[in-house]
PDB file of N, CA and C in Angstrom:
ATOM      1  N   MET A   1     -18.406  -7.088   3.925  1.00  0.00           N
ATOM      2  CA  MET A   1     -17.241  -7.330   4.658  1.00  0.00           C
ATOM      3  C   MET A   1     -16.498  -6.181   4.958  1.00  0.00           C
ATOM      4  N   ARG A   2     -15.906  -5.952   6.027  1.00  0.00           N
ATOM      5  CA  ARG A   2     -14.861  -5.169   6.277  1.00  0.00           C
ATOM      6  C   ARG A   2     -13.572  -5.410   6.248  1.00  0.00           C
ATOM      7  N   TYR A   3     -12.606  -4.670   5.188  1.00  0.00           N
ATOM      8  CA  TYR A   3     -11.279  -4.771   4.769  1.00  0.00           C
ATOM      9  C   TYR A   3     -10.542  -3.647   5.657  1.00  0.00           C
ATOM     10  N   PHE A   4      -9.618  -3.890   6.198  1.00  0.00           N
ATOM     11  CA  PHE A   4      -8.846  -3.040   6.646  1.00  0.00           C
ATOM     12  C   PHE A   4      -7.237  -2.874   5.521  1.00  0.00           C
ATOM     13  N   PHE A   5      -6.639  -1.682   5.639  1.00  0.00           N
ATOM     14  CA  PHE A   5      -5.454  -1.330   4.858  1.00  0.00           C
ATOM     15  C   PHE A   5      -4.303  -1.125   5.539  1.00  0.00           C
ATOM     16  N   LYS A   6      -2.916  -1.664   5.217  1.00  0.00           N
ATOM     17  CA  LYS A   6      -1.780  -1.227   6.118  1.00  0.00           C
ATOM     18  C   LYS A   6      -1.076  -1.014   4.936  1.00  0.00           C
ATOM     19  N   LEU A   7      -0.450   0.507   5.073  1.00  0.00           N
ATOM     20  CA  LEU A   7       0.590   0.605   4.268  1.00  0.00           C
ATOM     21  C   LEU A   7       1.835   1.047   4.830  1.00  0.00           C
ATOM     22  N   THR A   8       2.816   0.779   4.010  1.00  0.00           N
ATOM     23  CA  THR A   8       4.119   0.805   4.699  1.00  0.00           C
ATOM     24  C   THR A   8       4.950   1.731   3.336  1.00  0.00           C
ATOM     25  N   ASP A   9       5.575   2.506   3.900  1.00  0.00           N
ATOM     26  CA  ASP A   9       6.645   3.490   2.924  1.00  0.00           C
ATOM     27  C   ASP A   9       8.261   3.680   3.577  1.00  0.00           C
ATOM     28  N   GLY A  10       8.248   2.496   4.548  1.00  0.00           N
ATOM     29  CA  GLY A  10       9.518   2.812   5.368  1.00  0.00           C
ATOM     30  C   GLY A  10       8.835   2.964   6.716  1.00  0.00           C
ATOM     31  N   GLU A  11       7.854   3.647   6.911  1.00  0.00           N
ATOM     32  CA  GLU A  11       7.364   3.380   8.116  1.00  0.00           C
ATOM     33  C   GLU A  11       5.629   2.768   8.103  1.00  0.00           C
ATOM     34  N   ILE A  12       5.165   2.340   9.161  1.00  0.00           N
ATOM     35  CA  ILE A  12       3.987   1.554   8.821  1.00  0.00           C
ATOM     36  C   ILE A  12       2.777   2.148   9.262  1.00  0.00           C
ATOM     37  N   TYR A  13       1.637   2.369   8.598  1.00  0.00           N
ATOM     38  CA  TYR A  13       0.555   2.847   9.093  1.00  0.00           C
ATOM     39  C   TYR A  13      -0.692   2.019   8.846  1.00  0.00           C
ATOM     40  N   ASP A  14      -1.030   1.823  10.052  1.00  0.00           N
ATOM     41  CA  ASP A  14      -2.349   0.732  10.140  1.00  0.00           C
ATOM     42  C   ASP A  14      -3.665   1.473  10.352  1.00  0.00           C
ATOM     43  N   ASP A  15      -4.302   1.009   9.402  1.00  0.00           N
ATOM     44  CA  ASP A  15      -6.124   1.389   9.482  1.00  0.00           C
ATOM     45  C   ASP A  15      -6.629   0.530  10.582  1.00  0.00           C
ATOM     46  N   ASN A  16      -6.915   0.883  11.669  1.00  0.00           N
ATOM     47  CA  ASN A  16      -7.428   0.308  12.799  1.00  0.00           C
ATOM     48  C   ASN A  16      -9.360   0.604  12.652  1.00  0.00           C
ATOM     49  N   GLN A  17      -9.772   1.293  11.753  1.00  0.00           N
ATOM     50  CA  GLN A  17     -11.237   1.474  11.443  1.00  0.00           C
ATOM     51  C   GLN A  17     -11.755   0.567  10.652  1.00  0.00           C
ATOM     52  N   GLY A  18     -11.105   0.408   9.479  1.00  0.00           N
ATOM     53  CA  GLY A  18     -11.510  -0.716   8.210  1.00  0.00           C
ATOM     54  C   GLY A  18     -12.475   0.035   7.458  1.00  0.00           C
ATOM     55  N   VAL A  19     -12.997  -0.569   6.086  1.00  0.00           N
ATOM     56  CA  VAL A  19     -13.985   0.313   5.334  1.00  0.00           C
ATOM     57  C   VAL A  19     -14.912  -1.490   5.010  1.00  0.00           C
ATOM     58  N   ASP A  20     -16.177  -0.785   4.790  1.00  0.00           N
ATOM     59  CA  ASP A  20     -17.086  -1.972   4.553  1.00  0.00           C
ATOM     60  C   ASP A  20     -17.002  -2.042   3.233  1.00  0.00           C
ATOM     61  N   ILE A  21     -16.525  -2.928   2.361  1.00  0.00           N
ATOM     62  CA  ILE A  21     -16.627  -3.036   0.995  1.00  0.00           C
ATOM     63  C   ILE A  21     -17.005  -4.292   0.497  1.00  0.00           C
ATOM     64  N   SER A  22     -17.708  -4.444  -0.578  1.00  0.00           N
ATOM     65  CA  SER A  22     -18.283  -5.674  -1.089  1.00  0.00           C
ATOM     66  C   SER A  22     -17.730  -6.902  -1.223  1.00  0.00           C
ATOM     67  N   ASP A  23     -16.474  -7.033  -1.824  1.00  0.00           N
ATOM     68  CA  ASP A  23     -15.752  -8.243  -1.787  1.00  0.00           C
ATOM     69  C   ASP A  23     -14.467  -7.653  -2.154  1.00  0.00           C
ATOM     70  N   THR A  24     -13.556  -9.000  -2.582  1.00  0.00           N
ATOM     71  CA  THR A  24     -12.057  -8.745  -2.271  1.00  0.00           C
ATOM     72  C   THR A  24     -11.599  -7.994  -3.561  1.00  0.00           C
ATOM     73  N   ALA A  25     -12.631  -7.785  -4.844  1.00  0.00           N
ATOM     74  CA  ALA A  25     -11.966  -7.072  -5.646  1.00  0.00           C
ATOM     75  C   ALA A  25     -12.146  -5.476  -5.940  1.00  0.00           C
ATOM     76  N   ALA A  26     -13.063  -5.715  -4.875  1.00  0.00           N
ATOM     77  CA  ALA A  26     -13.451  -4.089  -4.563  1.00  0.00           C
ATOM     78  C   ALA A  26     -12.530  -3.607  -3.682  1.00  0.00           C
ATOM     79  N   ALA A  27     -11.857  -4.294  -2.625  1.00  0.00           N
ATOM     80  CA  ALA A  27     -11.084  -4.087  -1.831  1.00  0.00           C
ATOM     81  C   ALA A  27      -9.650  -3.714  -2.397  1.00  0.00           C
ATOM     82  N   GLU A  28      -9.345  -4.522  -3.481  1.00  0.00           N
ATOM     83  CA  GLU A  28      -7.882  -4.522  -4.087  1.00  0.00           C
ATOM     84  C   GLU A  28      -8.238  -3.287  -5.089  1.00  0.00           C
ATOM     85  N   ARG A  29      -9.084  -2.821  -5.536  1.00  0.00           N
ATOM     86  CA  ARG A  29      -9.596  -1.560  -6.279  1.00  0.00           C
ATOM     87  C   ARG A  29      -9.296  -0.311  -5.119  1.00  0.00           C
ATOM     88  N   GLU A  30      -9.832  -0.299  -4.112  1.00  0.00           N
ATOM     89  CA  GLU A  30      -9.428   0.419  -2.791  1.00  0.00           C
ATOM     90  C   GLU A  30      -8.074   0.572  -2.473  1.00  0.00           C
ATOM     91  N   ALA A  31      -7.418  -0.627  -2.591  1.00  0.00           N
ATOM     92  CA  ALA A  31      -5.973  -0.469  -2.427  1.00  0.00           C
ATOM     93  C   ALA A  31      -5.121   0.239  -3.044  1.00  0.00           C
ATOM     94  N   ALA A  32      -5.493   0.158  -4.432  1.00  0.00           N
ATOM     95  CA  ALA A  32      -4.856   0.690  -5.544  1.00  0.00           C
ATOM     96  C   ALA A  32      -5.107   2.087  -5.348  1.00  0.00           C
ATOM     97  N   LEU A  33      -6.335   2.616  -5.123  1.00  0.00           N
ATOM     98  CA  LEU A  33      -6.255   3.967  -4.885  1.00  0.00           C
ATOM     99  C   LEU A  33      -5.778   4.786  -4.005  1.00  0.00           C
ATOM    100  N   ILE A  34      -5.663   3.833  -2.667  1.00  0.00           N
ATOM    101  CA  ILE A  34      -4.694   4.468  -1.754  1.00  0.00           C
ATOM    102  C   ILE A  34      -3.282   4.457  -1.907  1.00  0.00           C
ATOM    103  N   ALA A  35      -2.734   3.633  -2.926  1.00  0.00           N
ATOM    104  CA  ALA A  35      -1.362   3.582  -3.379  1.00  0.00           C
ATOM    105  C   ALA A  35      -1.056   4.833  -4.271  1.00  0.00           C
ATOM    106  N   ALA A  36      -2.231   5.239  -5.101  1.00  0.00           N
ATOM    107  CA  ALA A  36      -2.204   5.974  -6.245  1.00  0.00           C
ATOM    108  C   ALA A  36      -2.324   7.540  -5.271  1.00  0.00           C
ATOM    109  N   GLU A  37      -2.966   7.566  -4.454  1.00  0.00           N
ATOM    110  CA  GLU A  37      -3.004   8.772  -3.649  1.00  0.00           C
ATOM    111  C   GLU A  37      -1.816   9.146  -3.223  1.00  0.00           C
ATOM    112  N   TRP A  38      -1.491   8.055  -2.193  1.00  0.00           N
ATOM    113  CA  TRP A  38      -0.106   8.396  -1.583  1.00  0.00           C
ATOM    114  C   TRP A  38       1.141   8.787  -2.441  1.00  0.00           C
ATOM    115  N   LEU A  39       0.925   7.664  -3.673  1.00  0.00           N
ATOM    116  CA  LEU A  39       2.369   8.149  -4.579  1.00  0.00           C
ATOM    117  C   LEU A  39       2.047   9.725  -4.978  1.00  0.00           C
ATOM    118  N   ARG A  40       0.875  10.327  -5.597  1.00  0.00           N
ATOM    119  CA  ARG A  40       0.886  11.406  -5.474  1.00  0.00           C
ATOM    120  C   ARG A  40       1.149  12.621  -4.759  1.00  0.00           C
ATOM    121  N   ASP A  41       0.647  12.222  -3.274  1.00  0.00           N
ATOM    122  CA  ASP A  41       0.917  13.680  -2.455  1.00  0.00           C
ATOM    123  C   ASP A  41       2.390  13.278  -1.834  1.00  0.00           C
ATOM    124  N   ASN A  42       3.060  12.373  -1.942  1.00  0.00           N
ATOM    125  CA  ASN A  42       4.510  11.809  -1.446  1.00  0.00           C
ATOM    126  C   ASN A  42       5.686  11.289  -2.582  1.00  0.00           C
ATOM    127  N   PRO A  43       5.355  11.777  -3.585  1.00  0.00           N
ATOM    128  CA  PRO A  43       6.797  11.537  -4.318  1.00  0.00           C
ATOM    129  C   PRO A  43       7.975  11.519  -4.123  1.00  0.00           C
ATOM    130  N   ASP A  44       8.360  12.520  -3.434  1.00  0.00           N
ATOM    131  CA  ASP A  44       9.608  12.869  -2.757  1.00  0.00           C
ATOM    132  C   ASP A  44      10.124  11.451  -2.070  1.00  0.00           C
ATOM    133  N   THR A  45       9.244  11.168  -0.936  1.00  0.00           N
ATOM    134  CA  THR A  45       9.416  10.074   0.003  1.00  0.00           C
ATOM    135  C   THR A  45       9.401   8.939  -0.668  1.00  0.00           C
ATOM    136  N   PHE A  46       8.793   8.549  -1.794  1.00  0.00           N
ATOM    137  CA  PHE A  46       8.901   7.237  -2.557  1.00  0.00           C
ATOM    138  C   PHE A  46      10.320   7.460  -3.187  1.00  0.00           C
ATOM    139  N   LEU A  47      10.662   8.674  -3.827  1.00  0.00           N
ATOM    140  CA  LEU A  47      11.910   8.228  -4.605  1.00  0.00           C
ATOM    141  C   LEU A  47      12.944   8.270  -3.573  1.00  0.00           C
ATOM    142  N   ARG A  48      13.085   8.891  -2.288  1.00  0.00           N
ATOM    143  CA  ARG A  48      13.971   8.441  -1.394  1.00  0.00           C
ATOM    144  C   ARG A  48      14.159   7.148  -0.876  1.00  0.00           C
ATOM    145  N   ASP A  49      13.009   6.938  -0.693  1.00  0.00           N
ATOM    146  CA  ASP A  49      12.441   4.921   0.045  1.00  0.00           C
ATOM    147  C   ASP A  49      12.890   4.129  -0.956  1.00  0.00           C
ATOM    148  N   GLY A  50      12.015   4.439  -1.949  1.00  0.00           N
ATOM    149  CA  GLY A  50      12.036   3.466  -3.053  1.00  0.00           C
ATOM    150  C   GLY A  50      10.950   2.301  -3.069  1.00  0.00           C
ATOM    151  N   ILE A  51       9.913   2.425  -1.951  1.00  0.00           N
ATOM    152  CA  ILE A  51       9.210   1.445  -1.966  1.00  0.00           C
ATOM    153  C   ILE A  51       7.801   1.758  -1.353  1.00  0.00           C
ATOM    154  N   LEU A  52       6.642   1.136  -1.885  1.00  0.00           N
ATOM    155  CA  LEU A  52       5.492   1.507  -1.073  1.00  0.00           C
ATOM    156  C   LEU A  52       4.861   0.125  -1.142  1.00  0.00           C
ATOM    157  N   LYS A  53       4.012  -0.454   0.306  1.00  0.00           N
ATOM    158  CA  LYS A  53       3.253  -1.621   0.019  1.00  0.00           C
ATOM    159  C   LYS A  53       1.824  -1.046   0.558  1.00  0.00           C
ATOM    160  N   VAL A  54       1.022  -1.667   0.254  1.00  0.00           N
ATOM    161  CA  VAL A  54      -0.657  -1.418   0.730  1.00  0.00           C
ATOM    162  C   VAL A  54      -1.115  -3.074   0.793  1.00  0.00           C
ATOM    163  N   GLU A  55      -1.063  -3.280   1.900  1.00  0.00           N
ATOM    164  CA  GLU A  55      -1.846  -4.790   2.420  1.00  0.00           C
ATOM    165  C   GLU A  55      -3.054  -4.636   2.776  1.00  0.00           C
ATOM    166  N   ILE A  56      -3.835  -5.723   2.107  1.00  0.00           N
ATOM    167  CA  ILE A  56      -5.368  -5.587   2.495  1.00  0.00           C
ATOM    168  C   ILE A  56      -5.282  -6.691   3.276  1.00  0.00           C
ATOM    169  N   LEU A  57      -6.184  -6.488   4.335  1.00  0.00           N
ATOM    170  CA  LEU A  57      -6.400  -7.550   5.595  1.00  0.00           C
ATOM    171  C   LEU A  57      -7.878  -7.561   5.604  1.00  0.00           C
ATOM    172  N   ASP A  58      -8.402  -9.026   5.981  1.00  0.00           N
ATOM    173  CA  ASP A  58      -9.923  -8.934   6.288  1.00  0.00           C
ATOM    174  C   ASP A  58     -10.326  -8.922   7.551  1.00  0.00           C
ATOM    175  N   GLU A  59     -11.546  -9.155   8.016  1.00  0.00           N
ATOM    176  CA  GLU A  59     -12.100  -8.795   9.410  1.00  0.00           C
ATOM    177  C   GLU A  59     -11.544  -9.526  10.355  1.00  0.00           C
ATOM    178  N   GLN A  60     -10.860 -10.529   9.949  1.00  0.00           N
ATOM    179  CA  GLN A  60      -9.937 -11.307  11.149  1.00  0.00           C
ATOM    180  C   GLN A  60      -8.357 -10.804  11.205  1.00  0.00           C
ATOM    181  N   LYS A  61      -8.266  -9.856  10.310  1.00  0.00           N
ATOM    182  CA  LYS A  61      -6.960  -9.229  10.223  1.00  0.00           C
ATOM    183  C   LYS A  61      -5.874 -10.279   9.312  1.00  0.00           C
ATOM    184  N   ASP A  62      -6.300 -10.936   8.668  1.00  0.00           N
ATOM    185  CA  ASP A  62      -5.671 -11.936   7.680  1.00  0.00           C
ATOM    186  C   ASP A  62      -5.560 -11.461   6.493  1.00  0.00           C
ATOM    187  N   LEU A  63      -4.199 -11.880   5.893  1.00  0.00           N
ATOM    188  CA  LEU A  63      -3.722 -10.781   4.834  1.00  0.00           C
ATOM    189  C   LEU A  63      -4.642 -11.675   3.511  1.00  0.00           C
ATOM    190  N   VAL A  64      -5.405 -10.584   2.654  1.00  0.00           N
ATOM    191  CA  VAL A  64      -5.702 -11.138   1.469  1.00  0.00           C
ATOM    192  C   VAL A  64      -4.996 -10.656   0.307  1.00  0.00           C
ATOM    193  N   ALA A  65      -4.382  -9.610   0.204  1.00  0.00           N
ATOM    194  CA  ALA A  65      -3.625  -9.582  -0.982  1.00  0.00           C
ATOM    195  C   ALA A  65      -2.708  -8.271  -0.752  1.00  0.00           C
ATOM    196  N   THR A  66      -1.769  -7.860  -1.392  1.00  0.00           N
ATOM    197  CA  THR A  66      -0.818  -6.997  -1.201  1.00  0.00           C
ATOM    198  C   THR A  66      -0.106  -6.509  -2.656  1.00  0.00           C
ATOM    199  N   ILE A  67      -0.297  -4.951  -2.613  1.00  0.00           N
ATOM    200  CA  ILE A  67       0.037  -4.133  -3.543  1.00  0.00           C
ATOM    201  C   ILE A  67       1.639  -3.617  -3.328  1.00  0.00           C
ATOM    202  N   ASP A  68       2.642  -4.172  -4.228  1.00  0.00           N
ATOM    203  CA  ASP A  68       3.766  -3.662  -3.853  1.00  0.00           C
ATOM    204  C   ASP A  68       4.346  -2.737  -4.988  1.00  0.00           C
ATOM    205  N   ILE A  69       4.762  -1.734  -4.566  1.00  0.00           N
ATOM    206  CA  ILE A  69       5.493  -0.978  -5.913  1.00  0.00           C
ATOM    207  C   ILE A  69       6.839  -0.580  -5.019  1.00  0.00           C
ATOM    208  N   ALA A  70       7.836  -0.566  -6.227  1.00  0.00           N
ATOM    209  CA  ALA A  70       9.313  -0.524  -5.787  1.00  0.00           C
ATOM    210  C   ALA A  70       9.761   0.281  -7.013  1.00  0.00           C
ATOM    211  N   ILE A  71      11.210   0.898  -6.828  1.00  0.00           N
ATOM    212  CA  ILE A  71      12.134   1.306  -7.836  1.00  0.00           C
ATOM    213  C   ILE A  71      13.073   0.486  -7.454  1.00  0.00           C
ATOM    214  N   VAL A  72      13.162  -0.114  -8.809  1.00  0.00           N
ATOM    215  CA  VAL A  72      14.676  -1.415  -8.829  1.00  0.00           C
ATOM    216  C   VAL A  72      15.275  -0.359  -9.850  1.00  0.00           C
ATOM    217  N   ARG A  73      16.713  -0.341  -9.215  1.00  0.00           N
ATOM    218  CA  ARG A  73      17.646   0.396 -10.014  1.00  0.00           C
ATOM    219  C   ARG A  73      18.756  -0.779 -10.360  1.00  0.00           C
ATOM    220  N   PRO A  74      19.172  -0.587 -11.673  1.00  0.00           N
ATOM    221  CA  PRO A  74      20.162  -1.706 -11.731  1.00  0.00           C
ATOM    222  C   PRO A  74      21.566  -1.688 -10.850  1.00  0.00           C
ATOM    223  N   GLY A  75      22.021  -2.868 -10.315  1.00  0.00           N
ATOM    224  CA  GLY A  75      23.107  -2.848  -9.575  1.00  0.00           C
ATOM    225  C   GLY A  75      23.118  -2.187  -8.235  1.00  0.00           C
ATOM    226  N   GLY A  76      21.759  -1.716  -7.923  1.00  0.00           N
ATOM    227  CA  GLY A  76      21.301  -1.357  -6.622  1.00  0.00           C
ATOM    228  C   GLY A  76      22.035   0.423  -6.831  1.00  0.00           C
ATOM    229  N   ALA A  77      22.013   1.105  -7.979  1.00  0.00           N
ATOM    230  CA  ALA A  77      22.475   2.745  -8.180  1.00  0.00           C
ATOM    231  C   ALA A  77      21.951   3.328  -7.088  1.00  0.00           C
ATOM    232  N   SER A  78      22.350   4.262  -6.873  1.00  0.00           N
ATOM    233  CA  SER A  78      21.579   5.548  -5.852  1.00  0.00           C
ATOM    234  C   SER A  78      20.935   6.278  -6.841  1.00  0.00           C
ATOM    235  N   PRO A  79      19.746   7.165  -6.372  1.00  0.00           N
ATOM    236  CA  PRO A  79      19.118   7.971  -7.271  1.00  0.00           C
ATOM    237  C   PRO A  79      20.113   9.241  -7.455  1.00  0.00           C
ATOM    238  N   ALA A  80      20.117   9.714  -8.664  1.00  0.00           N
ATOM    239  CA  ALA A  80      21.182  10.631  -9.256  1.00  0.00           C
ATOM    240  C   ALA A  80      20.678  11.980  -8.328  1.00  0.00           C
TER     241      ALA A  80
END
């Protein structure tokens, strides 16, 4: 089955090609790897914006699952 991944970090990056993956569990693992790689390569952007979302879409572009990563600061405090 082909899955697509949409990454949002304050901007939206759509995957128009998709990846052939065996099942939803494997697609979730791929999404986790996408998030980890993005965080490794863009720590300053993440610290500034405080959000990262990777949405997993199926062949019909229906939402299957979402990985949400966010910085939660008590009282909405700004970063130091």
